[in-house]
N, C-alpha and C. Protein backbone atom coordinates (compact mmCIF):
# COMPACT_ATOMS: atom_id res chain seq x y z
N MET A 1 0.80 -1.26 0.05
CA MET A 1 -0.02 -0.04 -0.03
C MET A 1 0.87 1.29 -0.01
N LEU A 2 1.98 1.22 0.74
CA LEU A 2 2.83 2.45 0.75
C LEU A 2 3.37 2.78 -0.46
N GLY A 3 3.63 1.75 -1.38
CA GLY A 3 4.28 1.87 -2.59
C GLY A 3 3.32 2.60 -3.47
N ASN A 4 1.91 2.18 -3.40
CA ASN A 4 0.93 2.86 -4.22
C ASN A 4 0.84 4.31 -3.91
N ILE A 5 0.97 4.63 -2.59
CA ILE A 5 0.73 5.99 -2.17
C ILE A 5 2.04 6.73 -2.72
N GLU A 6 3.15 6.17 -2.53
CA GLU A 6 4.35 6.85 -3.05
C GLU A 6 4.25 7.21 -4.58
N TYR A 7 3.75 6.19 -5.28
CA TYR A 7 3.65 6.33 -6.79
C TYR A 7 2.75 7.51 -7.04
N ILE A 8 1.57 7.55 -6.36
CA ILE A 8 0.67 8.65 -6.62
C ILE A 8 1.24 9.91 -6.28
N LEU A 9 1.95 10.15 -5.20
CA LEU A 9 2.53 11.31 -4.89
C LEU A 9 3.67 11.68 -5.67
N ARG A 10 4.43 10.80 -6.12
CA ARG A 10 5.52 11.08 -7.18
C ARG A 10 5.02 11.69 -8.45
N SER A 11 3.70 11.43 -8.92
CA SER A 11 3.20 11.87 -10.03
C SER A 11 2.06 12.89 -9.80
N SER A 12 2.07 13.30 -8.66
CA SER A 12 0.94 14.23 -8.20
C SER A 12 0.97 15.56 -8.83
N SER A 13 2.09 16.08 -9.17
CA SER A 13 2.00 17.50 -9.82
C SER A 13 1.49 17.26 -11.24
N GLY A 14 1.86 16.27 -11.96
CA GLY A 14 1.31 16.03 -13.27
C GLY A 14 -0.14 15.46 -13.40
N ASN A 15 -0.67 14.86 -12.42
CA ASN A 15 -1.97 14.32 -12.54
C ASN A 15 -3.06 15.07 -11.67
N GLY A 16 -2.63 16.22 -10.98
CA GLY A 16 -3.68 17.00 -10.33
C GLY A 16 -3.94 16.51 -8.98
N VAL A 17 -3.36 15.49 -8.43
CA VAL A 17 -3.56 15.03 -7.16
C VAL A 17 -3.28 16.03 -6.10
N ASP A 18 -2.13 16.77 -6.35
CA ASP A 18 -1.83 17.66 -5.23
C ASP A 18 -2.85 18.77 -5.06
N ALA A 19 -3.36 19.31 -6.14
CA ALA A 19 -4.40 20.28 -6.04
C ALA A 19 -5.54 19.67 -5.40
N GLN A 20 -6.00 18.46 -5.77
CA GLN A 20 -7.17 17.95 -5.09
C GLN A 20 -6.92 17.62 -3.63
N LEU A 21 -5.69 17.22 -3.26
CA LEU A 21 -5.37 17.11 -1.86
C LEU A 21 -5.64 18.37 -1.03
N GLN A 22 -5.12 19.53 -1.70
CA GLN A 22 -5.32 20.87 -1.09
C GLN A 22 -6.70 21.11 -0.81
N LEU A 23 -7.62 20.73 -1.70
CA LEU A 23 -9.00 20.98 -1.53
C LEU A 23 -9.63 20.05 -0.39
N VAL A 24 -9.17 18.86 -0.30
CA VAL A 24 -9.52 17.89 0.75
C VAL A 24 -9.18 18.37 2.09
N MET A 25 -7.88 18.81 2.10
CA MET A 25 -7.34 19.16 3.32
C MET A 25 -7.95 20.36 4.11
N ASP A 26 -8.57 21.17 3.28
CA ASP A 26 -9.32 22.27 3.89
C ASP A 26 -8.48 23.14 4.89
N ASP A 27 -7.43 23.50 4.30
CA ASP A 27 -6.40 24.43 5.10
C ASP A 27 -5.76 23.77 6.31
N ASP A 28 -5.77 22.46 6.44
CA ASP A 28 -5.14 21.65 7.48
C ASP A 28 -3.63 21.47 6.91
N ASP A 29 -2.73 22.52 7.26
CA ASP A 29 -1.43 22.40 6.84
C ASP A 29 -0.67 21.27 7.35
N GLU A 30 -0.79 20.94 8.55
CA GLU A 30 -0.19 19.85 9.18
C GLU A 30 -0.43 18.48 8.54
N LEU A 31 -1.83 18.26 8.23
CA LEU A 31 -2.24 17.05 7.64
C LEU A 31 -1.83 17.08 6.22
N LEU A 32 -1.77 18.05 5.50
CA LEU A 32 -1.26 18.30 4.07
C LEU A 32 0.21 17.92 3.98
N GLU A 33 0.98 18.52 4.92
CA GLU A 33 2.41 18.21 4.95
C GLU A 33 2.72 16.70 5.26
N PHE A 34 1.83 16.14 6.16
CA PHE A 34 2.04 14.71 6.49
C PHE A 34 1.83 13.95 5.27
N MET A 35 0.72 14.33 4.45
CA MET A 35 0.43 13.47 3.29
C MET A 35 1.48 13.66 2.05
N ILE A 36 1.69 14.96 1.73
CA ILE A 36 2.56 15.14 0.59
C ILE A 36 4.09 15.35 1.05
N GLY A 37 4.41 15.31 2.25
CA GLY A 37 5.77 15.43 2.76
C GLY A 37 6.31 16.80 2.46
N GLU A 38 7.56 17.03 3.04
CA GLU A 38 8.20 18.29 2.86
C GLU A 38 8.61 18.60 1.41
N SER A 39 8.77 17.57 0.70
CA SER A 39 9.05 17.74 -0.77
C SER A 39 8.01 17.04 -1.53
N ASN A 40 7.24 17.80 -2.40
CA ASN A 40 6.33 17.05 -3.07
C ASN A 40 6.77 15.93 -3.83
N GLY A 41 6.10 14.91 -4.01
CA GLY A 41 6.47 13.76 -4.73
C GLY A 41 7.22 12.56 -3.97
N ALA A 42 7.33 12.81 -2.75
CA ALA A 42 8.00 11.87 -1.85
C ALA A 42 7.13 11.35 -0.76
N LEU A 43 7.27 10.15 -0.37
CA LEU A 43 6.51 9.66 0.77
C LEU A 43 6.91 10.35 1.91
N PRO A 44 6.04 10.67 2.86
CA PRO A 44 6.43 11.48 4.08
C PRO A 44 7.45 10.60 4.70
N ALA A 45 8.44 11.21 5.57
CA ALA A 45 9.46 10.67 6.14
C ALA A 45 9.10 9.52 7.09
N VAL A 46 7.98 9.80 7.84
CA VAL A 46 7.63 8.77 8.86
C VAL A 46 7.13 7.56 8.16
N LEU A 47 6.31 7.78 7.01
CA LEU A 47 5.88 6.60 6.28
C LEU A 47 7.10 5.76 5.58
N GLN A 48 8.16 6.65 5.13
CA GLN A 48 9.36 5.93 4.73
C GLN A 48 9.88 4.99 5.70
N GLN A 49 9.90 5.52 7.03
CA GLN A 49 10.53 4.68 8.04
C GLN A 49 9.74 3.45 8.41
N VAL A 50 8.38 3.54 8.31
CA VAL A 50 7.51 2.48 8.55
C VAL A 50 7.76 1.49 7.40
N ARG A 51 7.88 1.91 6.17
CA ARG A 51 8.04 1.03 5.00
C ARG A 51 9.41 0.32 5.12
N ILE A 52 10.47 1.05 5.54
CA ILE A 52 11.76 0.36 5.82
C ILE A 52 11.69 -0.75 6.78
N LEU A 53 11.11 -0.42 7.93
CA LEU A 53 11.12 -1.36 9.09
C LEU A 53 10.22 -2.52 8.62
N ARG A 54 9.07 -2.26 8.02
CA ARG A 54 8.22 -3.30 7.71
C ARG A 54 8.63 -4.25 6.55
N ASN A 55 9.34 -3.65 5.52
CA ASN A 55 9.96 -4.43 4.37
C ASN A 55 11.08 -5.24 4.91
N ARG A 56 11.97 -4.83 5.82
CA ARG A 56 13.08 -5.50 6.28
C ARG A 56 12.64 -6.77 7.02
N ASN A 57 11.39 -6.73 7.67
CA ASN A 57 10.80 -7.92 8.38
C ASN A 57 9.66 -8.59 7.80
N ALA A 58 9.25 -8.25 6.55
CA ALA A 58 7.93 -8.75 6.08
C ALA A 58 8.07 -10.30 5.69
N HIS A 59 9.19 -10.72 5.34
CA HIS A 59 9.28 -12.25 4.86
C HIS A 59 10.09 -13.06 5.74
N ILE A 60 10.26 -12.61 7.01
CA ILE A 60 10.97 -13.56 7.97
C ILE A 60 9.90 -14.03 9.01
N SER A 61 10.25 -15.05 9.73
CA SER A 61 9.25 -15.51 10.55
C SER A 61 8.99 -14.77 11.90
N ALA A 62 10.06 -14.05 12.38
CA ALA A 62 9.78 -13.25 13.47
C ALA A 62 10.60 -11.98 13.46
N MET A 63 10.12 -10.84 14.07
CA MET A 63 10.69 -9.61 14.25
C MET A 63 11.19 -9.52 15.67
N SER A 64 12.41 -9.01 15.74
CA SER A 64 12.83 -8.92 17.20
C SER A 64 12.09 -7.87 18.02
N GLN A 65 12.21 -8.06 19.31
CA GLN A 65 11.38 -7.13 20.19
C GLN A 65 11.75 -5.73 19.92
N ALA A 66 13.16 -5.37 19.68
CA ALA A 66 13.44 -4.05 19.57
C ALA A 66 12.98 -3.50 18.39
N GLU A 67 12.97 -4.24 17.27
CA GLU A 67 12.47 -3.74 15.94
C GLU A 67 10.99 -3.60 15.96
N TYR A 68 10.19 -4.49 16.76
CA TYR A 68 8.85 -4.42 17.01
C TYR A 68 8.51 -2.96 17.75
N GLN A 69 9.32 -2.67 18.69
CA GLN A 69 8.96 -1.53 19.56
C GLN A 69 9.40 -0.39 18.69
N GLN A 70 10.21 -0.37 17.74
CA GLN A 70 10.57 0.68 16.89
C GLN A 70 9.39 0.95 15.98
N LEU A 71 8.92 -0.14 15.34
CA LEU A 71 7.87 0.06 14.40
C LEU A 71 6.60 0.43 15.16
N TYR A 72 6.33 -0.05 16.32
CA TYR A 72 5.20 0.40 17.15
C TYR A 72 5.19 1.80 17.44
N SER A 73 6.46 2.44 17.79
CA SER A 73 6.57 3.75 18.30
C SER A 73 6.29 4.63 17.09
N PHE A 74 6.73 4.14 15.87
CA PHE A 74 6.39 4.98 14.60
C PHE A 74 4.75 5.06 14.38
N VAL A 75 4.16 3.85 14.46
CA VAL A 75 2.72 3.91 14.08
C VAL A 75 1.91 4.35 15.20
N LEU A 76 2.13 4.06 16.34
CA LEU A 76 1.39 4.38 17.60
C LEU A 76 2.15 5.34 18.45
N SER A 77 1.52 6.23 19.19
CA SER A 77 2.18 7.06 20.04
C SER A 77 1.62 6.85 21.54
N PRO A 78 2.12 7.44 22.50
CA PRO A 78 1.59 7.34 23.77
C PRO A 78 0.12 7.90 23.68
N GLU A 79 -0.81 7.44 24.52
CA GLU A 79 -2.18 7.80 24.45
C GLU A 79 -2.21 9.36 24.33
N GLU A 80 -1.60 10.03 25.12
CA GLU A 80 -1.90 11.53 25.05
C GLU A 80 -1.42 12.13 23.81
N GLU A 81 -0.74 11.52 23.00
CA GLU A 81 -0.26 11.95 21.65
C GLU A 81 -0.77 11.05 20.62
N MET A 82 -1.84 10.33 20.72
CA MET A 82 -2.46 9.49 19.82
C MET A 82 -2.83 10.14 18.36
N VAL A 83 -3.27 11.50 18.61
CA VAL A 83 -3.84 12.25 17.42
C VAL A 83 -2.51 12.49 16.41
N LYS A 84 -1.34 12.65 16.99
CA LYS A 84 -0.23 12.91 16.17
C LYS A 84 0.59 11.66 15.77
N SER A 85 0.09 10.49 16.03
CA SER A 85 0.73 9.22 15.72
C SER A 85 0.37 8.96 14.09
N VAL A 86 1.23 8.22 13.50
CA VAL A 86 0.90 7.94 12.11
C VAL A 86 -0.55 7.43 11.90
N LEU A 87 -0.95 6.46 12.71
CA LEU A 87 -2.24 5.89 12.74
C LEU A 87 -3.30 7.02 12.83
N GLY A 88 -3.18 7.84 13.79
CA GLY A 88 -4.03 9.02 14.12
C GLY A 88 -3.97 9.99 12.98
N MET A 89 -2.83 10.29 12.30
CA MET A 89 -2.86 11.07 11.10
C MET A 89 -3.60 10.50 9.86
N ILE A 90 -3.44 9.23 9.72
CA ILE A 90 -4.21 8.41 8.76
C ILE A 90 -5.60 8.42 8.82
N LEU A 91 -6.03 8.26 10.07
CA LEU A 91 -7.44 8.24 10.37
C LEU A 91 -8.03 9.72 10.22
N GLN A 92 -7.34 10.71 10.55
CA GLN A 92 -7.81 12.14 10.29
C GLN A 92 -7.95 12.36 8.71
N LEU A 93 -6.80 11.81 8.04
CA LEU A 93 -6.88 11.97 6.66
C LEU A 93 -8.02 11.27 5.98
N LYS A 94 -8.46 10.07 6.44
CA LYS A 94 -9.52 9.35 6.01
C LYS A 94 -10.74 10.10 6.27
N GLN A 95 -10.92 10.72 7.49
CA GLN A 95 -12.07 11.48 7.74
C GLN A 95 -12.26 12.71 6.84
N LYS A 96 -11.17 13.41 6.69
CA LYS A 96 -11.19 14.56 5.62
C LYS A 96 -11.56 14.07 4.25
N ILE A 97 -11.18 13.04 3.85
CA ILE A 97 -11.52 12.58 2.52
C ILE A 97 -13.09 12.06 2.33
N MET A 98 -13.53 11.50 3.48
CA MET A 98 -14.92 11.12 3.58
C MET A 98 -15.77 12.51 3.64
N ASP A 99 -15.41 13.39 4.48
CA ASP A 99 -16.14 14.64 4.62
C ASP A 99 -16.19 15.36 3.26
N TYR A 100 -15.17 15.46 2.59
CA TYR A 100 -15.03 16.05 1.12
C TYR A 100 -15.87 15.30 0.23
N THR A 101 -15.72 14.07 0.25
CA THR A 101 -16.40 13.16 -0.76
C THR A 101 -17.87 13.36 -0.85
N TYR A 102 -18.52 13.49 0.38
CA TYR A 102 -19.75 13.59 0.63
C TYR A 102 -20.41 15.03 0.91
N SER A 103 -19.55 16.08 0.69
CA SER A 103 -19.82 17.36 0.89
C SER A 103 -20.83 17.84 -0.25
N PRO A 104 -21.89 18.61 0.02
CA PRO A 104 -22.81 19.08 -1.08
C PRO A 104 -22.07 19.74 -2.25
N LEU A 105 -20.98 20.57 -1.92
CA LEU A 105 -20.19 21.23 -2.89
C LEU A 105 -19.53 20.12 -3.84
N HIS A 106 -18.82 19.14 -3.32
CA HIS A 106 -18.24 18.19 -4.26
C HIS A 106 -19.34 17.37 -4.98
N LEU A 107 -20.33 16.86 -4.33
CA LEU A 107 -21.43 16.20 -5.03
C LEU A 107 -22.05 17.06 -6.18
N LYS A 108 -22.16 18.35 -5.89
CA LYS A 108 -22.71 19.14 -7.17
C LYS A 108 -21.69 19.20 -8.16
N SER A 109 -20.44 19.26 -7.94
CA SER A 109 -19.35 19.27 -8.98
C SER A 109 -19.26 18.03 -9.64
N VAL A 110 -19.36 16.90 -9.03
CA VAL A 110 -19.50 15.71 -9.78
C VAL A 110 -20.65 15.49 -10.63
N TYR A 111 -21.84 16.04 -10.09
CA TYR A 111 -23.11 16.00 -10.96
C TYR A 111 -22.96 16.87 -12.13
N ASP A 112 -22.20 18.10 -12.00
CA ASP A 112 -22.18 18.92 -13.11
C ASP A 112 -21.19 18.34 -14.18
N MET A 113 -20.08 17.70 -13.76
CA MET A 113 -19.02 17.15 -14.61
C MET A 113 -19.75 15.90 -15.37
N THR A 114 -20.54 15.13 -14.78
CA THR A 114 -21.17 14.03 -15.47
C THR A 114 -22.46 14.36 -16.13
N GLY A 115 -22.92 15.46 -15.97
CA GLY A 115 -24.33 15.71 -16.65
C GLY A 115 -25.39 15.13 -15.94
N GLY A 116 -25.24 14.73 -14.82
CA GLY A 116 -26.34 13.94 -14.07
C GLY A 116 -26.37 12.47 -14.38
N LYS A 117 -25.33 11.96 -15.02
CA LYS A 117 -25.43 10.63 -15.47
C LYS A 117 -24.99 9.61 -14.38
N ASN A 118 -25.20 8.37 -14.61
CA ASN A 118 -24.76 7.22 -13.63
C ASN A 118 -25.66 7.43 -12.32
N GLY A 119 -26.89 7.77 -12.51
CA GLY A 119 -27.84 7.75 -11.41
C GLY A 119 -27.64 9.06 -10.41
N SER A 120 -26.79 9.88 -10.71
CA SER A 120 -26.59 11.15 -9.90
C SER A 120 -27.91 11.87 -9.80
N LYS A 121 -28.09 12.47 -8.70
CA LYS A 121 -29.28 13.41 -8.47
C LYS A 121 -28.84 14.73 -8.31
N SER A 122 -29.52 15.60 -8.78
CA SER A 122 -29.14 17.12 -8.65
C SER A 122 -29.11 17.54 -7.06
N ILE A 123 -28.00 18.24 -6.90
CA ILE A 123 -27.88 18.74 -5.61
C ILE A 123 -27.96 20.31 -5.69
N THR A 124 -29.05 20.84 -5.41
CA THR A 124 -29.18 22.42 -5.46
C THR A 124 -29.84 22.93 -4.34
């Protein structure tokens, strides 16, 4: 999955994904930076670390306790910092995408682009 995200991000300026992400993020600069990274077209640093740790241990029978703790600390944070964890950020991102996808403004633009085809109903 991380490889797919990285591919989309690397081609984001040419395919319009970066502009779409900015609409979805609704001025949430922290979440936008998390998703597109400090340099556009790259997997965010924390997701690169998750991928490295995961790939190193994906095809062996056991991960050492130290490696497990390192991966765990990247994905989850102490309870008081859960919103800032990778999992917390991904869940926030998912919520933003869901909110945007079902917003009246977005549904109207999809309706307008498709001319009301595919069973779409007018949103006015």
